[in-house]
Amino acid sequence: MKRLEMNELRAKIKSLAKRNRLATTDEERAAVAAEMNTLRSENEQAFTEVLEALIKTTADDVQELHCRNIKNN
């Protein structure tokens, strides 16, 4: 998959994750889950790679913030 396509996939996953966090009803969450499953089924390998990269980036950011917080206290 091309880099541009991977960036588009990353943006879509982030957008869906945000919508899921903001969802207030089970119906909204179900709609997001359905869209996420559709996205995954289009290219499961690319979806998994992008999702793993997002998880790693988030974990790294959390670790950095945690270390910075410990330093400042």
PDB file of N, CA and C in Angstrom:
ATOM      1  N   MET A   1       0.849  -1.179   0.000  1.00  0.00           N
ATOM      2  CA  MET A   1       0.000   0.000   0.000  1.00  0.00           C
ATOM      3  C   MET A   1       0.891   1.237   0.000  1.00  0.00           C
ATOM      4  N   LYS A   2       0.525   2.215  -0.789  1.00  0.00           N
ATOM      5  CA  LYS A   2       1.316   3.430  -0.904  1.00  0.00           C
ATOM      6  C   LYS A   2       1.241   4.248   0.385  1.00  0.00           C
ATOM      7  N   ARG A   3       2.257   5.059   0.562  1.00  0.00           N
ATOM      8  CA  ARG A   3       2.340   5.891   1.770  1.00  0.00           C
ATOM      9  C   ARG A   3       1.132   6.818   1.906  1.00  0.00           C
ATOM     10  N   LEU A   4       0.702   7.407   0.788  1.00  0.00           N
ATOM     11  CA  LEU A   4      -0.449   8.305   0.814  1.00  0.00           C
ATOM     12  C   LEU A   4      -1.698   7.547   1.260  1.00  0.00           C
ATOM     13  N   GLU A   5      -1.874   6.343   0.737  1.00  0.00           N
ATOM     14  CA  GLU A   5      -3.024   5.529   1.119  1.00  0.00           C
ATOM     15  C   GLU A   5      -2.960   5.158   2.605  1.00  0.00           C
ATOM     16  N   MET A   6      -1.772   4.878   3.098  1.00  0.00           N
ATOM     17  CA  MET A   6      -1.601   4.548   4.514  1.00  0.00           C
ATOM     18  C   MET A   6      -1.962   5.765   5.373  1.00  0.00           C
ATOM     19  N   ASN A   7      -1.554   6.959   4.924  1.00  0.00           N
ATOM     20  CA  ASN A   7      -1.887   8.177   5.665  1.00  0.00           C
ATOM     21  C   ASN A   7      -3.393   8.421   5.666  1.00  0.00           C
ATOM     22  N   GLU A   8      -4.047   8.142   4.551  1.00  0.00           N
ATOM     23  CA  GLU A   8      -5.498   8.287   4.473  1.00  0.00           C
ATOM     24  C   GLU A   8      -6.188   7.295   5.410  1.00  0.00           C
ATOM     25  N   LEU A   9      -5.699   6.067   5.432  1.00  0.00           N
ATOM     26  CA  LEU A   9      -6.245   5.042   6.303  1.00  0.00           C
ATOM     27  C   LEU A   9      -6.053   5.443   7.769  1.00  0.00           C
ATOM     28  N   ARG A  10      -4.888   5.963   8.072  1.00  0.00           N
ATOM     29  CA  ARG A  10      -4.591   6.421   9.437  1.00  0.00           C
ATOM     30  C   ARG A  10      -5.569   7.522   9.844  1.00  0.00           C
ATOM     31  N   ALA A  11      -5.809   8.469   8.953  1.00  0.00           N
ATOM     32  CA  ALA A  11      -6.730   9.567   9.236  1.00  0.00           C
ATOM     33  C   ALA A  11      -8.154   9.048   9.445  1.00  0.00           C
ATOM     34  N   LYS A  12      -8.570   8.070   8.649  1.00  0.00           N
ATOM     35  CA  LYS A  12      -9.905   7.508   8.796  1.00  0.00           C
ATOM     36  C   LYS A  12     -10.051   6.790  10.132  1.00  0.00           C
ATOM     37  N   ILE A  13      -9.038   6.012  10.512  1.00  0.00           N
ATOM     38  CA  ILE A  13      -9.090   5.290  11.782  1.00  0.00           C
ATOM     39  C   ILE A  13      -9.136   6.273  12.948  1.00  0.00           C
ATOM     40  N   LYS A  14      -8.307   7.310  12.883  1.00  0.00           N
ATOM     41  CA  LYS A  14      -8.310   8.316  13.952  1.00  0.00           C
ATOM     42  C   LYS A  14      -9.656   9.017  14.040  1.00  0.00           C
ATOM     43  N   SER A  15     -10.249   9.317  12.899  1.00  0.00           N
ATOM     44  CA  SER A  15     -11.544   9.975  12.872  1.00  0.00           C
ATOM     45  C   SER A  15     -12.627   9.084  13.480  1.00  0.00           C
ATOM     46  N   LEU A  16     -12.608   7.806  13.117  1.00  0.00           N
ATOM     47  CA  LEU A  16     -13.587   6.876  13.671  1.00  0.00           C
ATOM     48  C   LEU A  16     -13.385   6.698  15.177  1.00  0.00           C
ATOM     49  N   ALA A  17     -12.144   6.643  15.612  1.00  0.00           N
ATOM     50  CA  ALA A  17     -11.867   6.517  17.050  1.00  0.00           C
ATOM     51  C   ALA A  17     -12.396   7.735  17.806  1.00  0.00           C
ATOM     52  N   LYS A  18     -12.211   8.895  17.229  1.00  0.00           N
ATOM     53  CA  LYS A  18     -12.713  10.119  17.859  1.00  0.00           C
ATOM     54  C   LYS A  18     -14.236  10.093  17.931  1.00  0.00           C
ATOM     55  N   ARG A  19     -14.875   9.717  16.813  1.00  0.00           N
ATOM     56  CA  ARG A  19     -16.339   9.623  16.812  1.00  0.00           C
ATOM     57  C   ARG A  19     -16.829   8.632  17.855  1.00  0.00           C
ATOM     58  N   ASN A  20     -16.091   7.540  18.029  1.00  0.00           N
ATOM     59  CA  ASN A  20     -16.482   6.534  19.012  1.00  0.00           C
ATOM     60  C   ASN A  20     -16.373   7.096  20.439  1.00  0.00           C
ATOM     61  N   ARG A  21     -15.297   7.860  20.696  1.00  0.00           N
ATOM     62  CA  ARG A  21     -15.139   8.473  22.022  1.00  0.00           C
ATOM     63  C   ARG A  21     -16.253   9.469  22.310  1.00  0.00           C
ATOM     64  N   LEU A  22     -16.712  10.176  21.278  1.00  0.00           N
ATOM     65  CA  LEU A  22     -17.747  11.190  21.444  1.00  0.00           C
ATOM     66  C   LEU A  22     -19.166  10.617  21.406  1.00  0.00           C
ATOM     67  N   ALA A  23     -19.287   9.361  20.989  1.00  0.00           N
ATOM     68  CA  ALA A  23     -20.610   8.741  20.874  1.00  0.00           C
ATOM     69  C   ALA A  23     -21.280   8.665  22.249  1.00  0.00           C
ATOM     70  N   THR A  24     -22.564   8.949  22.252  1.00  0.00           N
ATOM     71  CA  THR A  24     -23.301   8.933  23.512  1.00  0.00           C
ATOM     72  C   THR A  24     -24.356   7.837  23.564  1.00  0.00           C
ATOM     73  N   THR A  25     -24.598   7.183  22.439  1.00  0.00           N
ATOM     74  CA  THR A  25     -25.602   6.117  22.415  1.00  0.00           C
ATOM     75  C   THR A  25     -24.993   4.827  21.862  1.00  0.00           C
ATOM     76  N   ASP A  26     -25.652   3.728  22.189  1.00  0.00           N
ATOM     77  CA  ASP A  26     -25.214   2.437  21.654  1.00  0.00           C
ATOM     78  C   ASP A  26     -25.330   2.404  20.133  1.00  0.00           C
ATOM     79  N   GLU A  27     -26.317   3.093  19.601  1.00  0.00           N
ATOM     80  CA  GLU A  27     -26.515   3.124  18.150  1.00  0.00           C
ATOM     81  C   GLU A  27     -25.350   3.831  17.465  1.00  0.00           C
ATOM     82  N   GLU A  28     -24.889   4.935  18.049  1.00  0.00           N
ATOM     83  CA  GLU A  28     -23.745   5.651  17.475  1.00  0.00           C
ATOM     84  C   GLU A  28     -22.492   4.781  17.529  1.00  0.00           C
ATOM     85  N   ARG A  29     -22.277   4.106  18.640  1.00  0.00           N
ATOM     86  CA  ARG A  29     -21.111   3.222  18.764  1.00  0.00           C
ATOM     87  C   ARG A  29     -21.186   2.062  17.768  1.00  0.00           C
ATOM     88  N   ALA A  30     -22.382   1.522  17.579  1.00  0.00           N
ATOM     89  CA  ALA A  30     -22.565   0.428  16.626  1.00  0.00           C
ATOM     90  C   ALA A  30     -22.282   0.891  15.205  1.00  0.00           C
ATOM     91  N   ALA A  31     -22.695   2.108  14.872  1.00  0.00           N
ATOM     92  CA  ALA A  31     -22.443   2.642  13.532  1.00  0.00           C
ATOM     93  C   ALA A  31     -20.940   2.805  13.301  1.00  0.00           C
ATOM     94  N   VAL A  32     -20.244   3.307  14.303  1.00  0.00           N
ATOM     95  CA  VAL A  32     -18.789   3.465  14.190  1.00  0.00           C
ATOM     96  C   VAL A  32     -18.125   2.094  14.051  1.00  0.00           C
ATOM     97  N   ALA A  33     -18.566   1.135  14.850  1.00  0.00           N
ATOM     98  CA  ALA A  33     -17.997  -0.218  14.776  1.00  0.00           C
ATOM     99  C   ALA A  33     -18.209  -0.820  13.394  1.00  0.00           C
ATOM    100  N   ALA A  34     -19.379  -0.598  12.817  1.00  0.00           N
ATOM    101  CA  ALA A  34     -19.653  -1.121  11.474  1.00  0.00           C
ATOM    102  C   ALA A  34     -18.727  -0.484  10.444  1.00  0.00           C
ATOM    103  N   GLU A  35     -18.521   0.824  10.561  1.00  0.00           N
ATOM    104  CA  GLU A  35     -17.608   1.511   9.632  1.00  0.00           C
ATOM    105  C   GLU A  35     -16.174   1.014   9.815  1.00  0.00           C
ATOM    106  N   MET A  36     -15.786   0.774  11.062  1.00  0.00           N
ATOM    107  CA  MET A  36     -14.436   0.278  11.337  1.00  0.00           C
ATOM    108  C   MET A  36     -14.263  -1.120  10.738  1.00  0.00           C
ATOM    109  N   ASN A  37     -15.276  -1.967  10.876  1.00  0.00           N
ATOM    110  CA  ASN A  37     -15.211  -3.317  10.302  1.00  0.00           C
ATOM    111  C   ASN A  37     -15.140  -3.273   8.780  1.00  0.00           C
ATOM    112  N   THR A  38     -15.882  -2.357   8.170  1.00  0.00           N
ATOM    113  CA  THR A  38     -15.830  -2.199   6.713  1.00  0.00           C
ATOM    114  C   THR A  38     -14.441  -1.777   6.273  1.00  0.00           C
ATOM    115  N   LEU A  39     -13.878  -0.830   7.006  1.00  0.00           N
ATOM    116  CA  LEU A  39     -12.525  -0.357   6.700  1.00  0.00           C
ATOM    117  C   LEU A  39     -11.520  -1.495   6.828  1.00  0.00           C
ATOM    118  N   ARG A  40     -11.650  -2.294   7.876  1.00  0.00           N
ATOM    119  CA  ARG A  40     -10.752  -3.425   8.102  1.00  0.00           C
ATOM    120  C   ARG A  40     -10.869  -4.447   6.978  1.00  0.00           C
ATOM    121  N   SER A  41     -12.084  -4.709   6.534  1.00  0.00           N
ATOM    122  CA  SER A  41     -12.291  -5.738   5.515  1.00  0.00           C
ATOM    123  C   SER A  41     -11.740  -5.333   4.147  1.00  0.00           C
ATOM    124  N   GLU A  42     -11.579  -4.029   3.915  1.00  0.00           N
ATOM    125  CA  GLU A  42     -11.032  -3.564   2.637  1.00  0.00           C
ATOM    126  C   GLU A  42      -9.578  -3.969   2.462  1.00  0.00           C
ATOM    127  N   ASN A  43      -8.801  -3.923   3.547  1.00  0.00           N
ATOM    128  CA  ASN A  43      -7.395  -4.341   3.496  1.00  0.00           C
ATOM    129  C   ASN A  43      -6.949  -4.613   4.929  1.00  0.00           C
ATOM    130  N   GLU A  44      -7.173  -5.838   5.371  1.00  0.00           N
ATOM    131  CA  GLU A  44      -6.935  -6.187   6.769  1.00  0.00           C
ATOM    132  C   GLU A  44      -5.480  -5.994   7.195  1.00  0.00           C
ATOM    133  N   GLN A  45      -4.538  -6.338   6.322  1.00  0.00           N
ATOM    134  CA  GLN A  45      -3.126  -6.203   6.672  1.00  0.00           C
ATOM    135  C   GLN A  45      -2.753  -4.730   6.885  1.00  0.00           C
ATOM    136  N   ALA A  46      -3.150  -3.877   5.963  1.00  0.00           N
ATOM    137  CA  ALA A  46      -2.841  -2.448   6.084  1.00  0.00           C
ATOM    138  C   ALA A  46      -3.540  -1.862   7.306  1.00  0.00           C
ATOM    139  N   PHE A  47      -4.787  -2.251   7.525  1.00  0.00           N
ATOM    140  CA  PHE A  47      -5.533  -1.770   8.681  1.00  0.00           C
ATOM    141  C   PHE A  47      -4.792  -2.129   9.969  1.00  0.00           C
ATOM    142  N   THR A  48      -4.357  -3.377  10.065  1.00  0.00           N
ATOM    143  CA  THR A  48      -3.651  -3.840  11.260  1.00  0.00           C
ATOM    144  C   THR A  48      -2.336  -3.094  11.446  1.00  0.00           C
ATOM    145  N   GLU A  49      -1.596  -2.901  10.375  1.00  0.00           N
ATOM    146  CA  GLU A  49      -0.324  -2.176  10.465  1.00  0.00           C
ATOM    147  C   GLU A  49      -0.530  -0.746  10.946  1.00  0.00           C
ATOM    148  N   VAL A  50      -1.527  -0.068  10.385  1.00  0.00           N
ATOM    149  CA  VAL A  50      -1.795   1.314  10.773  1.00  0.00           C
ATOM    150  C   VAL A  50      -2.272   1.377  12.223  1.00  0.00           C
ATOM    151  N   LEU A  51      -3.157   0.477  12.596  1.00  0.00           N
ATOM    152  CA  LEU A  51      -3.672   0.464  13.964  1.00  0.00           C
ATOM    153  C   LEU A  51      -2.547   0.199  14.963  1.00  0.00           C
ATOM    154  N   GLU A  52      -1.672  -0.750  14.663  1.00  0.00           N
ATOM    155  CA  GLU A  52      -0.538  -1.034  15.550  1.00  0.00           C
ATOM    156  C   GLU A  52       0.384   0.178  15.673  1.00  0.00           C
ATOM    157  N   ALA A  53       0.612   0.873  14.577  1.00  0.00           N
ATOM    158  CA  ALA A  53       1.450   2.071  14.606  1.00  0.00           C
ATOM    159  C   ALA A  53       0.804   3.165  15.460  1.00  0.00           C
ATOM    160  N   LEU A  54      -0.506   3.334  15.332  1.00  0.00           N
ATOM    161  CA  LEU A  54      -1.211   4.322  16.156  1.00  0.00           C
ATOM    162  C   LEU A  54      -1.137   3.966  17.639  1.00  0.00           C
ATOM    163  N   ILE A  55      -1.297   2.700  17.948  1.00  0.00           N
ATOM    164  CA  ILE A  55      -1.218   2.250  19.341  1.00  0.00           C
ATOM    165  C   ILE A  55       0.176   2.511  19.894  1.00  0.00           C
ATOM    166  N   LYS A  56       1.203   2.200  19.112  1.00  0.00           N
ATOM    167  CA  LYS A  56       2.582   2.414  19.563  1.00  0.00           C
ATOM    168  C   LYS A  56       2.857   3.904  19.766  1.00  0.00           C
ATOM    169  N   THR A  57       2.408   4.727  18.833  1.00  0.00           N
ATOM    170  CA  THR A  57       2.605   6.173  18.950  1.00  0.00           C
ATOM    171  C   THR A  57       1.930   6.707  20.205  1.00  0.00           C
ATOM    172  N   THR A  58       0.710   6.250  20.445  1.00  0.00           N
ATOM    173  CA  THR A  58      -0.024   6.689  21.635  1.00  0.00           C
ATOM    174  C   THR A  58       0.683   6.243  22.904  1.00  0.00           C
ATOM    175  N   ALA A  59       1.148   5.006  22.934  1.00  0.00           N
ATOM    176  CA  ALA A  59       1.860   4.498  24.106  1.00  0.00           C
ATOM    177  C   ALA A  59       3.146   5.288  24.345  1.00  0.00           C
ATOM    178  N   ASP A  60       3.867   5.594  23.278  1.00  0.00           N
ATOM    179  CA  ASP A  60       5.088   6.383  23.400  1.00  0.00           C
ATOM    180  C   ASP A  60       4.794   7.784  23.942  1.00  0.00           C
ATOM    181  N   ASP A  61       3.711   8.389  23.446  1.00  0.00           N
ATOM    182  CA  ASP A  61       3.321   9.726  23.916  1.00  0.00           C
ATOM    183  C   ASP A  61       2.944   9.701  25.393  1.00  0.00           C
ATOM    184  N   VAL A  62       2.204   8.687  25.795  1.00  0.00           N
ATOM    185  CA  VAL A  62       1.807   8.559  27.199  1.00  0.00           C
ATOM    186  C   VAL A  62       3.044   8.373  28.077  1.00  0.00           C
ATOM    187  N   GLN A  63       3.957   7.535  27.638  1.00  0.00           N
ATOM    188  CA  GLN A  63       5.194   7.296  28.400  1.00  0.00           C
ATOM    189  C   GLN A  63       5.994   8.587  28.550  1.00  0.00           C
ATOM    190  N   GLU A  64       6.093   9.342  27.470  1.00  0.00           N
ATOM    191  CA  GLU A  64       6.832  10.597  27.515  1.00  0.00           C
ATOM    192  C   GLU A  64       6.180  11.584  28.482  1.00  0.00           C
ATOM    193  N   LEU A  65       4.865  11.695  28.425  1.00  0.00           N
ATOM    194  CA  LEU A  65       4.152  12.590  29.338  1.00  0.00           C
ATOM    195  C   LEU A  65       4.309  12.144  30.787  1.00  0.00           C
ATOM    196  N   HIS A  66       4.256  10.843  30.990  1.00  0.00           N
ATOM    197  CA  HIS A  66       4.417  10.304  32.340  1.00  0.00           C
ATOM    198  C   HIS A  66       5.802  10.618  32.891  1.00  0.00           C
ATOM    199  N   CYS A  67       6.824  10.413  32.086  1.00  0.00           N
ATOM    200  CA  CYS A  67       8.195  10.702  32.514  1.00  0.00           C
ATOM    201  C   CYS A  67       8.383  12.190  32.785  1.00  0.00           C
ATOM    202  N   ARG A  68       7.796  13.020  31.931  1.00  0.00           N
ATOM    203  CA  ARG A  68       7.892  14.458  32.118  1.00  0.00           C
ATOM    204  C   ARG A  68       7.187  14.880  33.423  1.00  0.00           C
ATOM    205  N   ASN A  69       6.057  14.265  33.706  1.00  0.00           N
ATOM    206  CA  ASN A  69       5.309  14.568  34.910  1.00  0.00           C
ATOM    207  C   ASN A  69       6.092  14.165  36.162  1.00  0.00           C
ATOM    208  N   ILE A  70       6.744  13.022  36.113  1.00  0.00           N
ATOM    209  CA  ILE A  70       7.544  12.551  37.244  1.00  0.00           C
ATOM    210  C   ILE A  70       8.710  13.510  37.467  1.00  0.00           C
ATOM    211  N   LYS A  71       9.345  13.951  36.387  1.00  0.00           N
ATOM    212  CA  LYS A  71      10.470  14.887  36.483  1.00  0.00           C
ATOM    213  C   LYS A  71      10.058  16.195  37.136  1.00  0.00           C
ATOM    214  N   ASN A  72       8.863  16.674  36.792  1.00  0.00           N
ATOM    215  CA  ASN A  72       8.411  17.975  37.279  1.00  0.00           C
ATOM    216  C   ASN A  72       7.878  17.913  38.700  1.00  0.00           C
ATOM    217  N   ASN A  73       7.676  16.752  39.243  1.00  0.00           N
ATOM    218  CA  ASN A  73       7.164  16.642  40.619  1.00  0.00           C
ATOM    219  C   ASN A  73       8.213  16.295  41.572  1.00  0.00           C
TER     220      ASN A  73
END
